[in-house]
C-alpha atoms as a PDB file:
ATOM      1  CA  MET A   1     193.538 -90.657 212.063  1.00  0.00           C
ATOM      2  CA  ALA A   2     197.280 -90.880 211.826  1.00  0.00           C
ATOM      3  CA  GLU A   3     197.695 -92.872 208.620  1.00  0.00           C
ATOM      4  CA  GLY A   4     200.808 -94.543 210.001  1.00  0.00           C
ATOM      5  CA  SER A   5     199.066 -95.759 213.144  1.00  0.00           C
ATOM      6  CA  TYR A   6     196.188 -97.335 211.202  1.00  0.00           C
ATOM      7  CA  GLN A   7     198.427 -99.028 208.647  1.00  0.00           C
ATOM      8  CA  GLN A   8     200.869-100.246 211.304  1.00  0.00           C
ATOM      9  CA  ARG A   9     198.063-101.732 213.366  1.00  0.00           C
ATOM     10  CA  ARG A  10     196.472-103.266 210.284  1.00  0.00           C
ATOM     11  CA  SER A  11     199.805-104.884 209.407  1.00  0.00           C
ATOM     12  CA  GLN A  12     200.085-106.384 212.905  1.00  0.00           C
ATOM     13  CA  ILE A  13     196.552-107.766 212.715  1.00  0.00           C
ATOM     14  CA  LYS A  14     197.197-109.245 209.277  1.00  0.00           C
ATOM     15  CA  THR A  15     200.353-110.987 210.492  1.00  0.00           C
ATOM     16  CA  TYR A  16     198.629-112.388 213.575  1.00  0.00           C
ATOM     17  CA  PHE A  17     195.532-113.771 211.867  1.00  0.00           C
ATOM     18  CA  ASP A  18     197.327-114.912 208.724  1.00  0.00           C
ATOM     19  CA  ARG A  19     200.296-116.661 210.356  1.00  0.00           C
ATOM     20  CA  THR A  20     199.569-117.302 214.017  1.00  0.00           C
ATOM     21  CA  ALA A  21     195.818-117.685 214.508  1.00  0.00           C
ATOM     22  CA  SER A  22     194.530-118.880 211.148  1.00  0.00           C
ATOM     23  CA  GLU A  23     194.073-122.537 212.112  1.00  0.00           C
ATOM     24  CA  ALA A  24     192.586-121.703 215.518  1.00  0.00           C
ATOM     25  CA  TRP A  25     190.195-119.162 213.984  1.00  0.00           C
ATOM     26  CA  SER A  26     189.120-121.618 211.309  1.00  0.00           C
ATOM     27  CA  LYS A  27     188.350-124.196 213.990  1.00  0.00           C
ATOM     28  CA  LEU A  28     186.565-121.669 216.224  1.00  0.00           C
ATOM     29  CA  THR A  29     184.215-120.676 213.408  1.00  0.00           C
ATOM     30  CA  SER A  30     183.287-124.271 212.581  1.00  0.00           C
ATOM     31  CA  ASP A  31     181.411-126.943 214.529  1.00  0.00           C
ATOM     32  CA  ALA A  32     184.642-128.690 215.530  1.00  0.00           C
ATOM     33  CA  LYS A  33     185.248-129.479 219.182  1.00  0.00           C
ATOM     34  CA  VAL A  34     187.089-126.714 221.035  1.00  0.00           C
ATOM     35  CA  SER A  35     188.114-125.991 224.621  1.00  0.00           C
ATOM     36  CA  ARG A  36     185.552-124.774 227.140  1.00  0.00           C
ATOM     37  CA  ILE A  37     187.064-121.294 226.997  1.00  0.00           C
ATOM     38  CA  ARG A  38     186.727-121.176 223.226  1.00  0.00           C
ATOM     39  CA  GLU A  39     183.216-122.571 223.498  1.00  0.00           C
ATOM     40  CA  THR A  40     182.245-119.384 225.343  1.00  0.00           C
ATOM     41  CA  VAL A  41     183.899-117.264 222.648  1.00  0.00           C
ATOM     42  CA  ARG A  42     182.051-119.192 219.949  1.00  0.00           C
ATOM     43  CA  ALA A  43     178.740-118.783 221.794  1.00  0.00           C
ATOM     44  CA  GLY A  44     179.368-115.075 222.309  1.00  0.00           C
ATOM     45  CA  ARG A  45     180.208-114.543 218.658  1.00  0.00           C
ATOM     46  CA  ASP A  46     177.091-116.437 217.604  1.00  0.00           C
ATOM     47  CA  ASP A  47     175.007-114.185 219.849  1.00  0.00           C
ATOM     48  CA  MET A  48     176.640-111.042 218.496  1.00  0.00           C
ATOM     49  CA  ARG A  49     176.313-112.126 214.868  1.00  0.00           C
ATOM     50  CA  ASN A  50     172.627-112.868 215.404  1.00  0.00           C
ATOM     51  CA  THR A  51     172.164-109.454 217.017  1.00  0.00           C
ATOM     52  CA  LEU A  52     173.734-107.630 214.083  1.00  0.00           C
ATOM     53  CA  LEU A  53     171.725-109.660 211.588  1.00  0.00           C
ATOM     54  CA  SER A  54     168.537-108.834 213.502  1.00  0.00           C
ATOM     55  CA  TRP A  55     169.296-105.122 212.979  1.00  0.00           C
ATOM     56  CA  LEU A  56     169.339-105.598 209.212  1.00  0.00           C
ATOM     57  CA  PRO A  57     166.180-105.865 207.075  1.00  0.00           C
ATOM     58  CA  GLY A  58     164.835-109.364 206.610  1.00  0.00           C
ATOM     59  CA  ASP A  59     164.730-108.776 202.862  1.00  0.00           C
ATOM     60  CA  LEU A  60     168.004-107.468 201.425  1.00  0.00           C
ATOM     61  CA  ALA A  61     167.208-108.114 197.758  1.00  0.00           C
ATOM     62  CA  GLY A  62     168.834-105.473 195.573  1.00  0.00           C
ATOM     63  CA  LYS A  63     171.025-104.176 198.414  1.00  0.00           C
ATOM     64  CA  ARG A  64     174.829-104.134 198.656  1.00  0.00           C
ATOM     65  CA  LEU A  65     176.412-104.987 201.990  1.00  0.00           C
ATOM     66  CA  LEU A  66     180.022-104.635 203.088  1.00  0.00           C
ATOM     67  CA  ASP A  67     181.142-107.265 205.575  1.00  0.00           C
ATOM     68  CA  ALA A  68     184.197-105.417 206.870  1.00  0.00           C
ATOM     69  CA  GLY A  69     186.428-107.981 208.524  1.00  0.00           C
ATOM     70  CA  CYS A  70     184.440-110.980 207.332  1.00  0.00           C
ATOM     71  CA  GLY A  71     186.735-113.679 208.759  1.00  0.00           C
ATOM     72  CA  THR A  72     185.511-117.053 207.517  1.00  0.00           C
ATOM     73  CA  GLY A  73     182.316-115.546 206.107  1.00  0.00           C
ATOM     74  CA  MET A  74     179.526-116.690 208.428  1.00  0.00           C
ATOM     75  CA  LEU A  75     177.708-113.334 208.495  1.00  0.00           C
ATOM     76  CA  SER A  76     178.296-112.839 204.760  1.00  0.00           C
ATOM     77  CA  VAL A  77     176.502-116.088 203.963  1.00  0.00           C
ATOM     78  CA  GLU A  78     173.491-115.193 206.103  1.00  0.00           C
ATOM     79  CA  ALA A  79     173.212-111.747 204.491  1.00  0.00           C
ATOM     80  CA  ALA A  80     173.437-113.329 201.040  1.00  0.00           C
ATOM     81  CA  ARG A  81     170.631-115.730 201.915  1.00  0.00           C
ATOM     82  CA  ARG A  82     168.463-112.642 202.501  1.00  0.00           C
ATOM     83  CA  GLY A  83     169.204-111.497 198.953  1.00  0.00           C
ATOM     84  CA  ALA A  84     172.104-109.097 199.520  1.00  0.00           C
ATOM     85  CA  GLU A  85     175.059-108.704 197.211  1.00  0.00           C
ATOM     86  CA  VAL A  86     177.910-109.030 199.701  1.00  0.00           C
ATOM     87  CA  CYS A  87     181.405-107.594 199.427  1.00  0.00           C
ATOM     88  CA  ALA A  88     183.290-109.544 202.097  1.00  0.00           C
ATOM     89  CA  ILE A  89     186.696-108.100 202.985  1.00  0.00           C
ATOM     90  CA  ASP A  90     189.272-109.371 205.449  1.00  0.00           C
ATOM     91  CA  VAL A  91     192.876-108.444 206.139  1.00  0.00           C
ATOM     92  CA  ALA A  92     194.016-112.093 206.277  1.00  0.00           C
ATOM     93  CA  PRO A  93     194.255-113.998 202.957  1.00  0.00           C
ATOM     94  CA  SER A  94     194.247-117.349 204.794  1.00  0.00           C
ATOM     95  CA  LEU A  95     190.827-116.618 206.314  1.00  0.00           C
ATOM     96  CA  ILE A  96     189.502-115.533 202.923  1.00  0.00           C
ATOM     97  CA  GLU A  97     190.600-118.898 201.528  1.00  0.00           C
ATOM     98  CA  VAL A  98     188.622-120.680 204.265  1.00  0.00           C
ATOM     99  CA  ALA A  99     185.588-118.459 203.590  1.00  0.00           C
ATOM    100  CA  ARG A 100     185.662-119.323 199.886  1.00  0.00           C
ATOM    101  CA  GLU A 101     185.955-123.040 200.650  1.00  0.00           C
ATOM    102  CA  ARG A 102     182.947-122.879 202.993  1.00  0.00           C
ATOM    103  CA  LEU A 103     180.680-120.891 200.697  1.00  0.00           C
ATOM    104  CA  PRO A 104     177.514-123.013 200.334  1.00  0.00           C
ATOM    105  CA  ALA A 105     176.986-124.437 196.870  1.00  0.00           C
ATOM    106  CA  ASP A 106     173.324-123.414 196.831  1.00  0.00           C
ATOM    107  CA  LEU A 107     174.151-119.696 196.770  1.00  0.00           C
ATOM    108  CA  GLU A 108     174.166-118.078 193.348  1.00  0.00           C
ATOM    109  CA  PRO A 109     177.676-117.548 191.932  1.00  0.00           C
ATOM    110  CA  GLY A 110     178.975-114.041 192.596  1.00  0.00           C
ATOM    111  CA  VAL A 111     176.442-113.130 195.271  1.00  0.00           C
ATOM    112  CA  VAL A 112     179.306-113.053 197.786  1.00  0.00           C
ATOM    113  CA  HIS A 113     182.648-111.631 196.707  1.00  0.00           C
ATOM    114  CA  PHE A 114     185.451-112.538 199.124  1.00  0.00           C
ATOM    115  CA  GLU A 115     188.617-110.487 198.931  1.00  0.00           C
ATOM    116  CA  ALA A 116     191.715-109.984 201.072  1.00  0.00           C
ATOM    117  CA  GLY A 117     192.286-106.267 201.390  1.00  0.00           C
ATOM    118  CA  ASP A 118     191.518-103.015 203.179  1.00  0.00           C
ATOM    119  CA  MET A 119     187.950-102.272 204.245  1.00  0.00           C
ATOM    120  CA  LEU A 120     188.591 -98.597 203.445  1.00  0.00           C
ATOM    121  CA  ASP A 121     189.546 -99.133 199.804  1.00  0.00           C
ATOM    122  CA  PRO A 122     187.163 -96.934 197.749  1.00  0.00           C
ATOM    123  CA  ALA A 123     187.454 -99.450 194.893  1.00  0.00           C
ATOM    124  CA  HIS A 124     184.919-101.594 196.788  1.00  0.00           C
ATOM    125  CA  GLY A 125     182.260 -99.099 195.754  1.00  0.00           C
ATOM    126  CA  ARG A 126     179.142 -97.900 197.564  1.00  0.00           C
ATOM    127  CA  PHE A 127     176.941 -99.811 199.985  1.00  0.00           C
ATOM    128  CA  ASP A 128     173.472 -99.804 201.463  1.00  0.00           C
ATOM    129  CA  TYR A 129     174.656-101.432 204.695  1.00  0.00           C
ATOM    130  CA  VAL A 130     177.966-102.076 206.424  1.00  0.00           C
ATOM    131  CA  VAL A 131     178.718-104.564 209.192  1.00  0.00           C
ATOM    132  CA  ALA A 132     182.050-104.624 211.031  1.00  0.00           C
ATOM    133  CA  MET A 133     181.848-107.343 213.666  1.00  0.00           C
ATOM    134  CA  ASP A 134     184.863-107.422 215.996  1.00  0.00           C
ATOM    135  CA  SER A 135     187.133-106.073 213.252  1.00  0.00           C
ATOM    136  CA  LEU A 136     187.739-102.640 214.831  1.00  0.00           C
ATOM    137  CA  ILE A 137     188.425-103.742 218.412  1.00  0.00           C
ATOM    138  CA  HIS A 138     192.219-103.663 217.961  1.00  0.00           C
ATOM    139  CA  TYR A 139     192.344-100.003 216.878  1.00  0.00           C
ATOM    140  CA  SER A 140     192.434 -96.846 218.971  1.00  0.00           C
ATOM    141  CA  PRO A 141     189.045 -95.131 219.448  1.00  0.00           C
ATOM    142  CA  GLU A 142     190.251 -92.237 217.296  1.00  0.00           C
ATOM    143  CA  ASP A 143     191.158 -94.590 214.467  1.00  0.00           C
ATOM    144  CA  VAL A 144     187.843 -96.428 214.837  1.00  0.00           C
ATOM    145  CA  VAL A 145     185.920 -93.183 214.357  1.00  0.00           C
ATOM    146  CA  ASP A 146     188.078 -92.247 211.386  1.00  0.00           C
ATOM    147  CA  VAL A 147     187.401 -95.637 209.804  1.00  0.00           C
ATOM    148  CA  LEU A 148     183.667 -95.158 210.382  1.00  0.00           C
ATOM    149  CA  ALA A 149     183.850 -91.718 208.767  1.00  0.00           C
ATOM    150  CA  GLY A 150     185.606 -93.156 205.733  1.00  0.00           C
ATOM    151  CA  ILE A 151     183.033 -95.919 205.381  1.00  0.00           C
ATOM    152  CA  ALA A 152     180.126 -93.509 205.918  1.00  0.00           C
ATOM    153  CA  GLU A 153     181.136 -91.550 202.812  1.00  0.00           C
ATOM    154  CA  ARG A 154     180.193 -94.603 200.728  1.00  0.00           C
ATOM    155  CA  THR A 155     177.162 -95.849 202.696  1.00  0.00           C
ATOM    156  CA  SER A 156     173.513 -94.837 202.394  1.00  0.00           C
ATOM    157  CA  GLY A 157     171.993 -96.980 205.159  1.00  0.00           C
ATOM    158  CA  SER A 158     173.070 -98.147 208.587  1.00  0.00           C
ATOM    159  CA  ILE A 159     176.589 -99.000 209.769  1.00  0.00           C
ATOM    160  CA  LEU A 160     176.730-101.727 212.401  1.00  0.00           C
ATOM    161  CA  PHE A 161     179.964-102.277 214.278  1.00  0.00           C
ATOM    162  CA  THR A 162     181.283-103.644 217.538  1.00  0.00           C
ATOM    163  CA  PHE A 163     183.786-102.326 220.036  1.00  0.00           C
ATOM    164  CA  ALA A 164     185.391-103.593 223.223  1.00  0.00           C
ATOM    165  CA  PRO A 165     183.495-101.937 226.096  1.00  0.00           C
ATOM    166  CA  ARG A 166     185.597-100.668 228.964  1.00  0.00           C
ATOM    167  CA  THR A 167     184.790-103.080 231.810  1.00  0.00           C
ATOM    168  CA  PRO A 168     186.819-104.087 234.905  1.00  0.00           C
ATOM    169  CA  LEU A 169     187.381-107.574 233.440  1.00  0.00           C
ATOM    170  CA  LEU A 170     188.648-106.309 230.094  1.00  0.00           C
ATOM    171  CA  ALA A 171     190.860-103.759 231.830  1.00  0.00           C
ATOM    172  CA  LEU A 172     192.392-106.534 233.938  1.00  0.00           C
ATOM    173  CA  MET A 173     192.941-108.793 230.924  1.00  0.00           C
ATOM    174  CA  HIS A 174     194.518-105.891 229.048  1.00  0.00           C
ATOM    175  CA  ALA A 175     196.910-105.217 231.941  1.00  0.00           C
ATOM    176  CA  VAL A 176     197.836-108.871 232.414  1.00  0.00           C
ATOM    177  CA  GLY A 177     198.456-109.295 228.696  1.00  0.00           C
ATOM    178  CA  LYS A 178     201.268-106.748 228.825  1.00  0.00           C
ATOM    179  CA  TRP A 179     203.280-109.176 230.958  1.00  0.00           C
ATOM    180  CA  PHE A 180     203.395-111.816 228.229  1.00  0.00           C
ATOM    181  CA  PRO A 181     206.272-111.833 225.699  1.00  0.00           C
ATOM    182  CA  ARG A 182     205.322-109.866 222.599  1.00  0.00           C
ATOM    183  CA  SER A 183     205.679-112.944 220.391  1.00  0.00           C
ATOM    184  CA  ASP A 184     203.010-114.737 222.450  1.00  0.00           C
ATOM    185  CA  ARG A 185     200.444-111.970 222.255  1.00  0.00           C
ATOM    186  CA  SER A 186     197.740-111.200 219.769  1.00  0.00           C
ATOM    187  CA  PRO A 187     197.275-107.522 218.843  1.00  0.00           C
ATOM    188  CA  ALA A 188     195.843-105.942 221.968  1.00  0.00           C
ATOM    189  CA  ILE A 189     192.149-105.161 222.196  1.00  0.00           C
ATOM    190  CA  VAL A 190     191.578-101.474 222.950  1.00  0.00           C
ATOM    191  CA  PRO A 191     188.641-100.995 225.364  1.00  0.00           C
ATOM    192  CA  VAL A 192     186.615 -97.783 225.175  1.00  0.00           C
ATOM    193  CA  SER A 193     183.515 -96.576 227.000  1.00  0.00           C
ATOM    194  CA  LEU A 194     180.299 -96.054 225.058  1.00  0.00           C
ATOM    195  CA  GLU A 195     180.200 -92.448 226.269  1.00  0.00           C
ATOM    196  CA  ARG A 196     183.672 -91.630 224.925  1.00  0.00           C
ATOM    197  CA  LEU A 197     183.001 -93.351 221.642  1.00  0.00           C
ATOM    198  CA  GLN A 198     179.755 -91.433 221.182  1.00  0.00           C
ATOM    199  CA  ALA A 199     181.563 -88.169 222.015  1.00  0.00           C
ATOM    200  CA  LEU A 200     184.240 -88.876 219.407  1.00  0.00           C
ATOM    201  CA  ILE A 201     181.560 -89.677 216.825  1.00  0.00           C
ATOM    202  CA  ALA A 202     179.694 -86.446 217.631  1.00  0.00           C
ATOM    203  CA  ALA A 203     182.920 -84.447 217.261  1.00  0.00           C
ATOM    204  CA  GLU A 204     183.804 -85.889 213.832  1.00  0.00           C
ATOM    205  CA  PRO A 205     182.623 -83.465 211.098  1.00  0.00           C
ATOM    206  CA  ARG A 206     182.383 -86.243 208.477  1.00  0.00           C
ATOM    207  CA  LEU A 207     179.834 -88.013 210.688  1.00  0.00           C
ATOM    208  CA  SER A 208     177.643 -84.958 211.201  1.00  0.00           C
ATOM    209  CA  GLY A 209     174.939 -86.590 209.099  1.00  0.00           C
ATOM    210  CA  TRP A 210     174.895 -89.696 211.292  1.00  0.00           C
ATOM    211  CA  LYS A 211     173.679 -90.524 214.763  1.00  0.00           C
ATOM    212  CA  PRO A 212     174.010 -93.507 217.138  1.00  0.00           C
ATOM    213  CA  GLY A 213     171.092 -95.919 217.195  1.00  0.00           C
ATOM    214  CA  ARG A 214     170.696 -99.215 219.008  1.00  0.00           C
ATOM    215  CA  THR A 215     173.385-100.720 221.187  1.00  0.00           C
ATOM    216  CA  HIS A 216     173.713-104.163 222.741  1.00  0.00           C
ATOM    217  CA  ARG A 217     176.410-105.791 224.854  1.00  0.00           C
ATOM    218  CA  VAL A 218     177.215-109.490 224.754  1.00  0.00           C
ATOM    219  CA  MET A 219     179.092-111.037 227.680  1.00  0.00           C
ATOM    220  CA  VAL A 220     179.536-114.812 227.503  1.00  0.00           C
ATOM    221  CA  GLY A 221     182.454-116.298 229.399  1.00  0.00           C
ATOM    222  CA  PHE A 222     185.642-114.996 227.786  1.00  0.00           C
ATOM    223  CA  TYR A 223     183.777-113.068 225.100  1.00  0.00           C
ATOM    224  CA  THR A 224     182.786-109.444 225.689  1.00  0.00           C
ATOM    225  CA  SER A 225     181.771-107.139 222.867  1.00  0.00           C
ATOM    226  CA  GLN A 226     179.284-104.324 222.339  1.00  0.00           C
ATOM    227  CA  ALA A 227     177.398-103.506 219.160  1.00  0.00           C
ATOM    228  CA  LEU A 228     176.515 -99.977 218.127  1.00  0.00           C
ATOM    229  CA  GLU A 229     174.384 -98.875 215.215  1.00  0.00           C
ATOM    230  CA  LEU A 230     174.998 -95.686 213.245  1.00  0.00           C
ATOM    231  CA  VAL A 231     172.085 -94.413 211.161  1.00  0.00           C
ATOM    232  CA  PRO A 232     171.627 -91.361 208.935  1.00  0.00           C
ATOM    233  CA  ALA A 233     170.463 -88.418 211.045  1.00  0.00           C
END
């Protein structure tokens, strides 16, 4: 990974979610009324979150989980209810504030640690499981694999993440988005085929001890995302 490309992209994402999309994202991840388009995004995200949770053990007592790109903390809360100690990291401080405000009172203090920062920071420690739901879709495939390799060095169990699958619809949306003024655009999603992503993973020496597991695509209205599981080989 070119360190500059990752940090530059991360900075763009932080600016977008912290300044431009914070209120909309907070509303999307609540039960507030939203537009029909955003209803499909909400439904798709619910489906994807449930899929990723179904790939984790039902009992996570004694396990540490990294929610990499936790947003407003919905997945973090569910993992904590299964007994996990959750380190929930997001690039946007405003979303972390919302996540802290929404943390259910019945959860034990400290079981979920919300922090604005970098998912790759080694200070977060080691983990049994890592989930990165829709937090890597704005990076190049090469950077995604490098991020996975960095996380894998501190993970003993599975790594679950999502990517934007290369489909005709996403390709069209990506092309149309380039016509909008830069100030009106969110950081672009970078589609990649499953085959190319798997080839990049296989070619990364730091992931030689890992192999792809389950995969599942969710397509609901304006939401399209694909989950992939990495497990120790």
